[in-house]
C-alpha atoms as a PDB file:
ATOM      1  CA  MET A   1       4.297  17.032   6.122  1.00  0.00           C
ATOM      2  CA  LYS A   2       4.654  18.106   2.514  1.00  0.00           C
ATOM      3  CA  TYR A   3       2.039  17.527  -0.174  1.00  0.00           C
ATOM      4  CA  ILE A   4       2.969  16.242  -3.601  1.00  0.00           C
ATOM      5  CA  ASN A   5       1.222  15.267  -6.810  1.00  0.00           C
ATOM      6  CA  LEU A   6      -0.045  11.714  -7.070  1.00  0.00           C
ATOM      7  CA  GLY A   7       1.765  10.525 -10.169  1.00  0.00           C
ATOM      8  CA  ASN A   8       0.854  12.440 -13.316  1.00  0.00           C
ATOM      9  CA  THR A   9      -2.285  13.940 -11.748  1.00  0.00           C
ATOM     10  CA  GLY A  10      -3.124  17.210 -10.087  1.00  0.00           C
ATOM     11  CA  VAL A  11      -4.383  15.739  -6.814  1.00  0.00           C
ATOM     12  CA  LYS A  12      -2.183  16.536  -3.807  1.00  0.00           C
ATOM     13  CA  ILE A  13      -1.304  13.802  -1.333  1.00  0.00           C
ATOM     14  CA  SER A  14       0.803  13.654   1.803  1.00  0.00           C
ATOM     15  CA  GLU A  15       4.324  12.261   1.398  1.00  0.00           C
ATOM     16  CA  LEU A  16       3.210   9.280   3.464  1.00  0.00           C
ATOM     17  CA  CYS A  17       0.042   7.226   3.081  1.00  0.00           C
ATOM     18  CA  LEU A  18      -1.697   5.638   6.067  1.00  0.00           C
ATOM     19  CA  GLY A  19      -2.219   1.941   5.395  1.00  0.00           C
ATOM     20  CA  CYS A  20      -5.427   0.672   6.950  1.00  0.00           C
ATOM     21  CA  MET A  21      -4.944  -3.096   6.817  1.00  0.00           C
ATOM     22  CA  THR A  22      -4.111  -2.890  10.542  1.00  0.00           C
ATOM     23  CA  PHE A  23      -7.655  -1.690  11.278  1.00  0.00           C
ATOM     24  CA  GLY A  24     -10.616  -4.045  11.420  1.00  0.00           C
ATOM     25  CA  ALA A  25     -12.575  -6.515  13.504  1.00  0.00           C
ATOM     26  CA  PRO A  26     -10.075  -9.236  14.550  1.00  0.00           C
ATOM     27  CA  ASP A  27     -12.731 -11.935  14.255  1.00  0.00           C
ATOM     28  CA  ARG A  28     -13.575 -10.992  10.644  1.00  0.00           C
ATOM     29  CA  GLY A  29     -11.443 -11.964   7.668  1.00  0.00           C
ATOM     30  CA  ASP A  30      -7.914 -13.385   7.652  1.00  0.00           C
ATOM     31  CA  HIS A  31      -6.087 -10.950   9.942  1.00  0.00           C
ATOM     32  CA  PRO A  32      -6.564 -11.847  13.619  1.00  0.00           C
ATOM     33  CA  TRP A  33      -3.884  -9.317  14.580  1.00  0.00           C
ATOM     34  CA  THR A  34      -5.917  -6.252  13.523  1.00  0.00           C
ATOM     35  CA  LEU A  35      -7.035  -3.485  15.891  1.00  0.00           C
ATOM     36  CA  PRO A  36     -10.713  -3.023  16.763  1.00  0.00           C
ATOM     37  CA  GLU A  37     -12.411   0.287  16.135  1.00  0.00           C
ATOM     38  CA  GLU A  38     -11.462   2.466  19.108  1.00  0.00           C
ATOM     39  CA  PRO A  39      -7.674   1.962  18.975  1.00  0.00           C
ATOM     40  CA  SER A  40      -7.876   2.220  15.184  1.00  0.00           C
ATOM     41  CA  ARG A  41      -9.616   5.585  15.468  1.00  0.00           C
ATOM     42  CA  GLN A  42      -6.897   6.877  17.767  1.00  0.00           C
ATOM     43  CA  ILE A  43      -4.255   6.099  15.154  1.00  0.00           C
ATOM     44  CA  ILE A  44      -6.280   7.627  12.320  1.00  0.00           C
ATOM     45  CA  ARG A  45      -6.814  10.762  14.400  1.00  0.00           C
ATOM     46  CA  ARG A  46      -3.062  10.997  15.054  1.00  0.00           C
ATOM     47  CA  ALA A  47      -2.392  10.602  11.343  1.00  0.00           C
ATOM     48  CA  VAL A  48      -4.697  13.505  10.550  1.00  0.00           C
ATOM     49  CA  GLU A  49      -2.977  15.608  13.241  1.00  0.00           C
ATOM     50  CA  LEU A  50       0.399  14.855  11.629  1.00  0.00           C
ATOM     51  CA  GLY A  51      -0.845  15.969   8.217  1.00  0.00           C
ATOM     52  CA  PHE A  52      -1.702  12.671   6.544  1.00  0.00           C
ATOM     53  CA  ASN A  53      -4.441  13.171   3.948  1.00  0.00           C
ATOM     54  CA  PHE A  54      -3.902   9.933   1.992  1.00  0.00           C
ATOM     55  CA  PHE A  55      -5.514   6.721   3.302  1.00  0.00           C
ATOM     56  CA  ASP A  56      -5.327   3.271   1.723  1.00  0.00           C
ATOM     57  CA  THR A  57      -7.660   0.381   2.495  1.00  0.00           C
ATOM     58  CA  ALA A  58      -9.323  -2.508   0.611  1.00  0.00           C
ATOM     59  CA  ASN A  59     -12.702  -4.170   0.552  1.00  0.00           C
ATOM     60  CA  ALA A  60     -11.109  -7.474   1.602  1.00  0.00           C
ATOM     61  CA  TYR A  61      -9.370  -6.118   4.706  1.00  0.00           C
ATOM     62  CA  SER A  62     -11.070  -7.723   7.707  1.00  0.00           C
ATOM     63  CA  ASP A  63     -14.157  -8.558   5.666  1.00  0.00           C
ATOM     64  CA  GLY A  64     -14.917  -4.914   4.914  1.00  0.00           C
ATOM     65  CA  THR A  65     -14.612  -3.641   8.479  1.00  0.00           C
ATOM     66  CA  SER A  66     -11.428  -1.705   7.679  1.00  0.00           C
ATOM     67  CA  GLU A  67     -13.406   0.397   5.200  1.00  0.00           C
ATOM     68  CA  GLU A  68     -16.168   0.901   7.754  1.00  0.00           C
ATOM     69  CA  ILE A  69     -13.782   2.079  10.473  1.00  0.00           C
ATOM     70  CA  LEU A  70     -11.918   4.388   8.105  1.00  0.00           C
ATOM     71  CA  GLY A  71     -15.124   5.897   6.741  1.00  0.00           C
ATOM     72  CA  ARG A  72     -16.461   6.773  10.177  1.00  0.00           C
ATOM     73  CA  ALA A  73     -13.107   8.183  11.292  1.00  0.00           C
ATOM     74  CA  ILE A  74     -12.754  10.378   8.202  1.00  0.00           C
ATOM     75  CA  LYS A  75     -16.201  11.793   8.867  1.00  0.00           C
ATOM     76  CA  ASP A  76     -15.289  12.587  12.489  1.00  0.00           C
ATOM     77  CA  PHE A  77     -11.694  13.804  12.157  1.00  0.00           C
ATOM     78  CA  THR A  78     -11.429  15.653   8.846  1.00  0.00           C
ATOM     79  CA  LYS A  79     -13.411  16.898   5.856  1.00  0.00           C
ATOM     80  CA  ARG A  80     -14.218  14.426   3.120  1.00  0.00           C
ATOM     81  CA  ASP A  81     -12.902  16.759   0.442  1.00  0.00           C
ATOM     82  CA  ASP A  82      -9.609  17.077   2.320  1.00  0.00           C
ATOM     83  CA  ALA A  83      -9.085  13.303   2.390  1.00  0.00           C
ATOM     84  CA  VAL A  84      -7.741  11.202  -0.463  1.00  0.00           C
ATOM     85  CA  ILE A  85      -9.258   7.752   0.041  1.00  0.00           C
ATOM     86  CA  ALA A  86      -7.982   4.708  -1.815  1.00  0.00           C
ATOM     87  CA  THR A  87      -9.530   1.246  -1.773  1.00  0.00           C
ATOM     88  CA  LYS A  88      -9.179  -1.944  -3.793  1.00  0.00           C
ATOM     89  CA  VAL A  89     -11.126  -4.703  -5.512  1.00  0.00           C
ATOM     90  CA  PHE A  90     -10.307  -8.308  -6.427  1.00  0.00           C
ATOM     91  CA  PHE A  91     -10.319 -10.745  -3.514  1.00  0.00           C
ATOM     92  CA  PRO A  92     -13.580 -12.636  -2.781  1.00  0.00           C
ATOM     93  CA  MET A  93     -16.061 -10.915  -0.503  1.00  0.00           C
ATOM     94  CA  TYR A  94     -18.636 -13.689  -0.381  1.00  0.00           C
ATOM     95  CA  PRO A  95     -18.844 -17.393  -1.384  1.00  0.00           C
ATOM     96  CA  GLY A  96     -19.732 -18.212  -4.940  1.00  0.00           C
ATOM     97  CA  PRO A  97     -18.222 -17.912  -8.429  1.00  0.00           C
ATOM     98  CA  ASN A  98     -18.754 -14.142  -8.669  1.00  0.00           C
ATOM     99  CA  GLY A  99     -17.771 -13.185  -5.125  1.00  0.00           C
ATOM    100  CA  GLY A 100     -14.490 -11.666  -6.283  1.00  0.00           C
ATOM    101  CA  GLY A 101     -12.351 -11.067  -9.347  1.00  0.00           C
ATOM    102  CA  LEU A 102     -12.314  -8.255 -11.872  1.00  0.00           C
ATOM    103  CA  SER A 103     -15.271  -9.000 -14.124  1.00  0.00           C
ATOM    104  CA  ARG A 104     -17.653  -6.173 -14.991  1.00  0.00           C
ATOM    105  CA  LYS A 105     -20.222  -7.773 -12.683  1.00  0.00           C
ATOM    106  CA  ALA A 106     -17.775  -8.059  -9.777  1.00  0.00           C
ATOM    107  CA  ILE A 107     -16.403  -4.530 -10.140  1.00  0.00           C
ATOM    108  CA  PHE A 108     -19.812  -2.857 -10.312  1.00  0.00           C
ATOM    109  CA  SER A 109     -20.970  -4.773  -7.243  1.00  0.00           C
ATOM    110  CA  ALA A 110     -17.759  -4.144  -5.321  1.00  0.00           C
ATOM    111  CA  ILE A 111     -17.572  -0.381  -5.853  1.00  0.00           C
ATOM    112  CA  ASP A 112     -21.108   0.133  -4.563  1.00  0.00           C
ATOM    113  CA  ALA A 113     -20.428  -2.035  -1.519  1.00  0.00           C
ATOM    114  CA  SER A 114     -17.182  -0.178  -0.752  1.00  0.00           C
ATOM    115  CA  LEU A 115     -18.870   3.211  -1.026  1.00  0.00           C
ATOM    116  CA  LYS A 116     -21.584   2.075   1.371  1.00  0.00           C
ATOM    117  CA  ARG A 117     -19.036   0.833   3.924  1.00  0.00           C
ATOM    118  CA  LEU A 118     -16.934   3.981   3.593  1.00  0.00           C
ATOM    119  CA  GLY A 119     -19.990   6.213   3.849  1.00  0.00           C
ATOM    120  CA  THR A 120     -19.039   8.290   0.831  1.00  0.00           C
ATOM    121  CA  ASP A 121     -20.277   8.951  -2.696  1.00  0.00           C
ATOM    122  CA  TYR A 122     -16.878   8.389  -4.310  1.00  0.00           C
ATOM    123  CA  VAL A 123     -13.358   7.125  -3.722  1.00  0.00           C
ATOM    124  CA  ASP A 124     -10.383   9.079  -4.915  1.00  0.00           C
ATOM    125  CA  LEU A 125      -8.319   6.093  -6.032  1.00  0.00           C
ATOM    126  CA  TYR A 126      -9.857   2.743  -7.024  1.00  0.00           C
ATOM    127  CA  GLN A 127      -7.258   0.008  -7.404  1.00  0.00           C
ATOM    128  CA  ILE A 128      -7.220  -3.541  -8.703  1.00  0.00           C
ATOM    129  CA  HIS A 129      -5.735  -5.560  -5.843  1.00  0.00           C
ATOM    130  CA  ARG A 130      -4.214  -8.221  -8.117  1.00  0.00           C
ATOM    131  CA  TRP A 131      -4.298  -9.349 -11.765  1.00  0.00           C
ATOM    132  CA  ASP A 132      -7.319 -11.480 -12.668  1.00  0.00           C
ATOM    133  CA  HIS A 133      -6.161 -14.368 -14.885  1.00  0.00           C
ATOM    134  CA  THR A 134      -9.749 -15.480 -15.572  1.00  0.00           C
ATOM    135  CA  THR A 135     -11.138 -12.195 -16.910  1.00  0.00           C
ATOM    136  CA  PRO A 136     -10.006 -10.468 -20.132  1.00  0.00           C
ATOM    137  CA  ILE A 137      -8.105  -7.344 -19.153  1.00  0.00           C
ATOM    138  CA  GLU A 138     -10.146  -5.402 -21.725  1.00  0.00           C
ATOM    139  CA  GLU A 139     -13.329  -6.178 -19.792  1.00  0.00           C
ATOM    140  CA  THR A 140     -11.716  -5.027 -16.543  1.00  0.00           C
ATOM    141  CA  LEU A 141     -10.354  -1.810 -18.020  1.00  0.00           C
ATOM    142  CA  GLU A 142     -13.623  -0.788 -19.650  1.00  0.00           C
ATOM    143  CA  ALA A 143     -15.569  -1.519 -16.455  1.00  0.00           C
ATOM    144  CA  LEU A 144     -13.125   0.577 -14.423  1.00  0.00           C
ATOM    145  CA  HIS A 145     -13.415   3.381 -16.981  1.00  0.00           C
ATOM    146  CA  ASP A 146     -17.178   3.319 -16.550  1.00  0.00           C
ATOM    147  CA  VAL A 147     -16.790   3.484 -12.765  1.00  0.00           C
ATOM    148  CA  VAL A 148     -14.785   6.686 -13.197  1.00  0.00           C
ATOM    149  CA  LYS A 149     -17.251   8.143 -15.692  1.00  0.00           C
ATOM    150  CA  SER A 150     -20.098   7.404 -13.275  1.00  0.00           C
ATOM    151  CA  GLY A 151     -18.398   9.613 -10.687  1.00  0.00           C
ATOM    152  CA  LYS A 152     -17.830   6.788  -8.203  1.00  0.00           C
ATOM    153  CA  ALA A 153     -14.024   6.999  -8.505  1.00  0.00           C
ATOM    154  CA  ARG A 154     -11.716   9.864  -9.408  1.00  0.00           C
ATOM    155  CA  TYR A 155      -8.600   7.912 -10.426  1.00  0.00           C
ATOM    156  CA  LEU A 156      -7.553   4.308 -11.045  1.00  0.00           C
ATOM    157  CA  GLY A 157      -4.603   2.358  -9.687  1.00  0.00           C
ATOM    158  CA  ALA A 158      -3.107  -1.116  -9.836  1.00  0.00           C
ATOM    159  CA  SER A 159      -1.255  -3.306  -7.370  1.00  0.00           C
ATOM    160  CA  SER A 160       1.322  -6.101  -7.505  1.00  0.00           C
ATOM    161  CA  MET A 161       1.749  -7.649 -10.955  1.00  0.00           C
ATOM    162  CA  PHE A 162       4.437  -8.221 -13.542  1.00  0.00           C
ATOM    163  CA  ALA A 163       5.720  -5.238 -15.501  1.00  0.00           C
ATOM    164  CA  TRP A 164       4.571  -6.779 -18.799  1.00  0.00           C
ATOM    165  CA  GLN A 165       1.024  -7.009 -17.443  1.00  0.00           C
ATOM    166  CA  PHE A 166       1.033  -3.396 -16.283  1.00  0.00           C
ATOM    167  CA  SER A 167       2.484  -2.223 -19.594  1.00  0.00           C
ATOM    168  CA  LYS A 168      -0.218  -4.136 -21.477  1.00  0.00           C
ATOM    169  CA  ALA A 169      -2.958  -2.558 -19.376  1.00  0.00           C
ATOM    170  CA  LEU A 170      -1.556   0.952 -19.827  1.00  0.00           C
ATOM    171  CA  ASN A 171      -1.269   0.556 -23.582  1.00  0.00           C
ATOM    172  CA  LEU A 172      -4.734  -0.958 -24.015  1.00  0.00           C
ATOM    173  CA  ALA A 173      -6.277   1.913 -22.075  1.00  0.00           C
ATOM    174  CA  ARG A 174      -4.409   4.375 -24.267  1.00  0.00           C
ATOM    175  CA  GLN A 175      -5.549   2.653 -27.465  1.00  0.00           C
ATOM    176  CA  HIS A 176      -9.221   2.566 -26.447  1.00  0.00           C
ATOM    177  CA  GLY A 177      -9.411   5.961 -24.771  1.00  0.00           C
ATOM    178  CA  TRP A 178     -10.186   4.404 -21.385  1.00  0.00           C
ATOM    179  CA  THR A 179      -9.123   5.911 -18.080  1.00  0.00           C
ATOM    180  CA  ARG A 180      -5.545   4.805 -17.396  1.00  0.00           C
ATOM    181  CA  PHE A 181      -3.966   3.656 -14.162  1.00  0.00           C
ATOM    182  CA  VAL A 182      -2.118   6.488 -12.438  1.00  0.00           C
ATOM    183  CA  THR A 183      -0.547   4.500  -9.582  1.00  0.00           C
ATOM    184  CA  MET A 184       1.225   1.238  -8.858  1.00  0.00           C
ATOM    185  CA  GLN A 185       1.009  -0.191  -5.344  1.00  0.00           C
ATOM    186  CA  ASN A 186       3.713  -2.841  -5.264  1.00  0.00           C
ATOM    187  CA  HIS A 187       5.806  -4.819  -2.786  1.00  0.00           C
ATOM    188  CA  TYR A 188       9.042  -2.924  -2.129  1.00  0.00           C
ATOM    189  CA  ASN A 189      11.402  -2.485   0.825  1.00  0.00           C
ATOM    190  CA  LEU A 190      15.002  -3.113   1.859  1.00  0.00           C
ATOM    191  CA  LEU A 191      14.369  -6.859   2.014  1.00  0.00           C
ATOM    192  CA  TYR A 192      12.580  -7.072  -1.351  1.00  0.00           C
ATOM    193  CA  ARG A 193      13.912  -4.971  -4.224  1.00  0.00           C
ATOM    194  CA  GLU A 194      13.036  -7.059  -7.276  1.00  0.00           C
ATOM    195  CA  GLU A 195      10.722  -4.279  -8.491  1.00  0.00           C
ATOM    196  CA  GLU A 196      13.814  -2.202  -9.312  1.00  0.00           C
ATOM    197  CA  ARG A 197      14.474  -4.455 -12.320  1.00  0.00           C
ATOM    198  CA  GLU A 198      11.465  -3.643 -14.525  1.00  0.00           C
ATOM    199  CA  MET A 199       8.464  -2.202 -12.678  1.00  0.00           C
ATOM    200  CA  MET A 200      10.126   0.915 -11.273  1.00  0.00           C
ATOM    201  CA  PRO A 201      11.703   1.977 -14.608  1.00  0.00           C
ATOM    202  CA  LEU A 202       8.334   1.424 -16.312  1.00  0.00           C
ATOM    203  CA  CYS A 203       6.580   3.596 -13.737  1.00  0.00           C
ATOM    204  CA  GLN A 204       9.155   6.367 -14.120  1.00  0.00           C
ATOM    205  CA  ASP A 205       8.817   6.284 -17.902  1.00  0.00           C
ATOM    206  CA  GLU A 206       5.009   6.389 -17.750  1.00  0.00           C
ATOM    207  CA  ARG A 207       4.957   8.944 -14.887  1.00  0.00           C
ATOM    208  CA  ILE A 208       3.089   6.518 -12.627  1.00  0.00           C
ATOM    209  CA  GLY A 209       2.875   7.263  -8.910  1.00  0.00           C
ATOM    210  CA  VAL A 210       4.519   4.481  -6.882  1.00  0.00           C
ATOM    211  CA  ILE A 211       2.940   3.824  -3.475  1.00  0.00           C
ATOM    212  CA  PRO A 212       4.645   0.655  -2.186  1.00  0.00           C
ATOM    213  CA  TRP A 213       3.133  -1.629   0.422  1.00  0.00           C
ATOM    214  CA  SER A 214       5.066  -3.107   3.332  1.00  0.00           C
ATOM    215  CA  PRO A 215       7.932  -0.570   3.354  1.00  0.00           C
ATOM    216  CA  LEU A 216       8.976  -1.997   6.736  1.00  0.00           C
ATOM    217  CA  ALA A 217       8.718  -5.624   5.589  1.00  0.00           C
ATOM    218  CA  ARG A 218       5.856  -6.478   7.954  1.00  0.00           C
ATOM    219  CA  GLY A 219       7.849  -4.937  10.809  1.00  0.00           C
ATOM    220  CA  ARG A 220      10.949  -7.048  10.245  1.00  0.00           C
ATOM    221  CA  LEU A 221      13.043  -3.920   9.656  1.00  0.00           C
ATOM    222  CA  THR A 222      11.954  -2.360  12.962  1.00  0.00           C
ATOM    223  CA  ARG A 223      12.764  -4.964  15.614  1.00  0.00           C
ATOM    224  CA  PRO A 224      15.475  -7.448  16.645  1.00  0.00           C
ATOM    225  CA  TRP A 225      15.680 -10.319  14.196  1.00  0.00           C
ATOM    226  CA  ALA A 226      14.654 -13.103  16.581  1.00  0.00           C
ATOM    227  CA  SER A 227      11.784 -11.221  18.233  1.00  0.00           C
ATOM    228  CA  GLU A 228       8.230 -12.519  17.868  1.00  0.00           C
ATOM    229  CA  THR A 229       4.883 -10.718  17.842  1.00  0.00           C
ATOM    230  CA  THR A 230       1.263 -11.729  17.524  1.00  0.00           C
ATOM    231  CA  ARG A 231       1.423 -10.739  13.874  1.00  0.00           C
ATOM    232  CA  THR A 232       4.513 -12.812  13.106  1.00  0.00           C
ATOM    233  CA  ARG A 233       2.799 -15.830  14.638  1.00  0.00           C
ATOM    234  CA  THR A 234      -0.414 -15.423  12.646  1.00  0.00           C
ATOM    235  CA  ASP A 235       0.514 -13.575   9.437  1.00  0.00           C
ATOM    236  CA  ASP A 236       0.925 -16.568   7.118  1.00  0.00           C
ATOM    237  CA  PHE A 237       1.083 -14.451   3.972  1.00  0.00           C
ATOM    238  CA  GLY A 238       3.729 -12.154   5.412  1.00  0.00           C
ATOM    239  CA  ASN A 239       5.849 -15.046   6.619  1.00  0.00           C
ATOM    240  CA  LYS A 240       5.816 -16.646   3.168  1.00  0.00           C
ATOM    241  CA  LEU A 241       7.128 -13.434   1.596  1.00  0.00           C
ATOM    242  CA  TYR A 242      10.474 -13.671   3.354  1.00  0.00           C
ATOM    243  CA  GLU A 243      10.975 -17.309   4.325  1.00  0.00           C
ATOM    244  CA  SER A 244      13.388 -18.177   1.481  1.00  0.00           C
ATOM    245  CA  THR A 245      16.017 -15.455   2.063  1.00  0.00           C
ATOM    246  CA  ILE A 246      16.451 -15.477   5.819  1.00  0.00           C
ATOM    247  CA  ASP A 247      20.252 -15.317   5.910  1.00  0.00           C
ATOM    248  CA  ALA A 248      20.553 -12.309   3.587  1.00  0.00           C
ATOM    249  CA  ASP A 249      17.593 -10.562   5.191  1.00  0.00           C
ATOM    250  CA  ARG A 250      19.116 -10.912   8.649  1.00  0.00           C
ATOM    251  CA  LYS A 251      22.271  -9.127   7.458  1.00  0.00           C
ATOM    252  CA  ILE A 252      20.210  -6.232   6.121  1.00  0.00           C
ATOM    253  CA  VAL A 253      18.274  -5.915   9.386  1.00  0.00           C
ATOM    254  CA  GLU A 254      21.608  -5.843  11.226  1.00  0.00           C
ATOM    255  CA  GLN A 255      22.800  -2.967   9.027  1.00  0.00           C
ATOM    256  CA  VAL A 256      19.591  -1.061   9.707  1.00  0.00           C
ATOM    257  CA  ALA A 257      20.197  -1.525  13.434  1.00  0.00           C
ATOM    258  CA  ALA A 258      23.814  -0.374  13.147  1.00  0.00           C
ATOM    259  CA  ILE A 259      22.935   2.833  11.311  1.00  0.00           C
ATOM    260  CA  ALA A 260      20.016   3.516  13.649  1.00  0.00           C
ATOM    261  CA  ALA A 261      22.322   3.149  16.668  1.00  0.00           C
ATOM    262  CA  ALA A 262      24.930   5.440  15.127  1.00  0.00           C
ATOM    263  CA  ARG A 263      22.292   8.039  14.305  1.00  0.00           C
ATOM    264  CA  GLY A 264      20.471   7.664  17.627  1.00  0.00           C
ATOM    265  CA  VAL A 265      17.102   7.027  15.972  1.00  0.00           C
ATOM    266  CA  PRO A 266      14.646   4.084  15.852  1.00  0.00           C
ATOM    267  CA  LYS A 267      15.259   1.464  13.163  1.00  0.00           C
ATOM    268  CA  ALA A 268      11.949   2.297  11.525  1.00  0.00           C
ATOM    269  CA  GLN A 269      13.186   5.784  10.708  1.00  0.00           C
ATOM    270  CA  VAL A 270      16.191   4.404   8.846  1.00  0.00           C
ATOM    271  CA  ALA A 271      14.059   1.998   6.787  1.00  0.00           C
ATOM    272  CA  VAL A 272      11.507   4.684   5.899  1.00  0.00           C
ATOM    273  CA  ALA A 273      14.225   7.232   5.103  1.00  0.00           C
ATOM    274  CA  TRP A 274      15.837   4.770   2.694  1.00  0.00           C
ATOM    275  CA  ILE A 275      12.635   4.168   0.735  1.00  0.00           C
ATOM    276  CA  THR A 276      11.502   7.804   0.604  1.00  0.00           C
ATOM    277  CA  GLN A 277      14.858   8.848  -0.852  1.00  0.00           C
ATOM    278  CA  LYS A 278      14.361   6.672  -3.920  1.00  0.00           C
ATOM    279  CA  ALA A 279      13.523   8.895  -6.903  1.00  0.00           C
ATOM    280  CA  PHE A 280      10.808   6.562  -8.179  1.00  0.00           C
ATOM    281  CA  ILE A 281       8.851   6.470  -4.893  1.00  0.00           C
ATOM    282  CA  THR A 282       5.841   8.755  -4.463  1.00  0.00           C
ATOM    283  CA  ALA A 283       4.448   7.868  -1.022  1.00  0.00           C
ATOM    284  CA  PRO A 284       5.086   4.635   0.899  1.00  0.00           C
ATOM    285  CA  ILE A 285       2.098   3.098   2.664  1.00  0.00           C
ATOM    286  CA  ILE A 286       2.746   3.143   6.392  1.00  0.00           C
ATOM    287  CA  GLY A 287       0.934   0.631   8.568  1.00  0.00           C
ATOM    288  CA  ALA A 288       0.725   1.450  12.272  1.00  0.00           C
ATOM    289  CA  SER A 289      -0.534  -0.326  15.370  1.00  0.00           C
ATOM    290  CA  LYS A 290       0.629   2.476  17.689  1.00  0.00           C
ATOM    291  CA  ALA A 291       0.597   6.246  17.278  1.00  0.00           C
ATOM    292  CA  GLN A 292       4.372   6.280  17.820  1.00  0.00           C
ATOM    293  CA  HIS A 293       4.803   4.385  14.556  1.00  0.00           C
ATOM    294  CA  LEU A 294       3.395   7.394  12.719  1.00  0.00           C
ATOM    295  CA  ASP A 295       5.621   9.810  14.619  1.00  0.00           C
ATOM    296  CA  ASP A 296       8.660   7.755  13.584  1.00  0.00           C
ATOM    297  CA  ALA A 297       7.545   7.682   9.950  1.00  0.00           C
ATOM    298  CA  VAL A 298       7.088  11.451   9.813  1.00  0.00           C
ATOM    299  CA  ALA A 299      10.452  12.007  11.525  1.00  0.00           C
ATOM    300  CA  ALA A 300      12.068   9.803   8.867  1.00  0.00           C
ATOM    301  CA  LEU A 301      11.180  12.381   6.220  1.00  0.00           C
ATOM    302  CA  GLU A 302      13.833  14.645   7.761  1.00  0.00           C
ATOM    303  CA  LEU A 303      16.471  11.906   8.057  1.00  0.00           C
ATOM    304  CA  LYS A 304      18.821  12.066   5.080  1.00  0.00           C
ATOM    305  CA  LEU A 305      21.016   9.041   4.569  1.00  0.00           C
ATOM    306  CA  ASP A 306      24.364   9.634   2.878  1.00  0.00           C
ATOM    307  CA  ALA A 307      25.739   7.547   0.037  1.00  0.00           C
ATOM    308  CA  ALA A 308      27.873   5.406   2.335  1.00  0.00           C
ATOM    309  CA  GLU A 309      24.906   4.576   4.575  1.00  0.00           C
ATOM    310  CA  THR A 310      22.753   3.710   1.581  1.00  0.00           C
ATOM    311  CA  ALA A 311      25.457   1.406   0.228  1.00  0.00           C
ATOM    312  CA  GLN A 312      25.807  -0.205   3.652  1.00  0.00           C
ATOM    313  CA  LEU A 313      22.087  -0.960   3.748  1.00  0.00           C
ATOM    314  CA  GLU A 314      21.929  -2.304   0.212  1.00  0.00           C
ATOM    315  CA  ALA A 315      25.146  -4.366   0.068  1.00  0.00           C
ATOM    316  CA  PRO A 316      23.822  -7.608   1.656  1.00  0.00           C
ATOM    317  CA  TYR A 317      20.881  -7.902  -0.758  1.00  0.00           C
ATOM    318  CA  VAL A 318      20.607 -11.033  -2.891  1.00  0.00           C
ATOM    319  CA  PRO A 319      18.127 -11.730  -5.722  1.00  0.00           C
ATOM    320  CA  HIS A 320      14.731 -12.941  -4.502  1.00  0.00           C
ATOM    321  CA  SER A 321      12.045 -15.015  -6.125  1.00  0.00           C
ATOM    322  CA  VAL A 322       9.049 -12.912  -7.138  1.00  0.00           C
ATOM    323  CA  ALA A 323       6.830 -12.450  -4.098  1.00  0.00           C
ATOM    324  CA  GLY A 324       3.531 -10.657  -3.578  1.00  0.00           C
ATOM    325  CA  HIS A 325       1.953 -10.964  -7.029  1.00  0.00           C
ATOM    326  CA  SER A 326      -0.664 -13.464  -5.891  1.00  0.00           C
END
């Protein structure tokens, strides 16, 4: 595992980030397919053994239990100062008009609750999970700046939104002298490449670290097209992301399988190799429900696809409707 700078910062992160949405109490929140604590800990331990030092979670994952599991595992398996912990704020955490969102009130409440669940005094990267259409972005940016100045977060990041929104936020922060976003966590993989149109060029121009979610398209790039899992049966959000482009997506999955067979490697390695070879990608967020998934992801860092293979993978793609911004 190599360590690289996170965007235009000096902090060093592993080339792969461990996504922690897979971890959490299955009976809490909206993800009944998550792993309870003990199997989650085994995967986190394996990630640390493989050299992962970058971990991404969110307050809303499994009603906060993902943060709790990650916090305890970090304490047991590595040093806090060696870990780069990222979490997010936006989605409601309790009933009521102020249970979520990006108001000053919501952000100040959420950061303290996340720190308590994680068992730490600070997070390294604090991200807005989505754009809040009901709160002035100036209020959000100043509140986030104050979170950084209080020492409760080291850096700020954003997640799925339109490029014009991200550009507006970056420029407002610059104008007011507020702490700027240093990362963009967006939806990007072989089945969904709309971010190449505007968001990726913006991030390159602004030297923003790109840490895409779902690089394996919720597992669709790793298994036979018609196969079914517990997650595919219960992941309503994930199913909606890809339901309108089934025919084109199937052709891409078939090309992944063909190259994987020719190379003698798992399909996951081909999909991860493709995304890590993009110049605008910093560190894809790898979700894992088995330790082997991490082994495959790390092995993919050594798999170099040639131009013909890349063209073969990309040729079936068709334009998609925007997906993942809400």
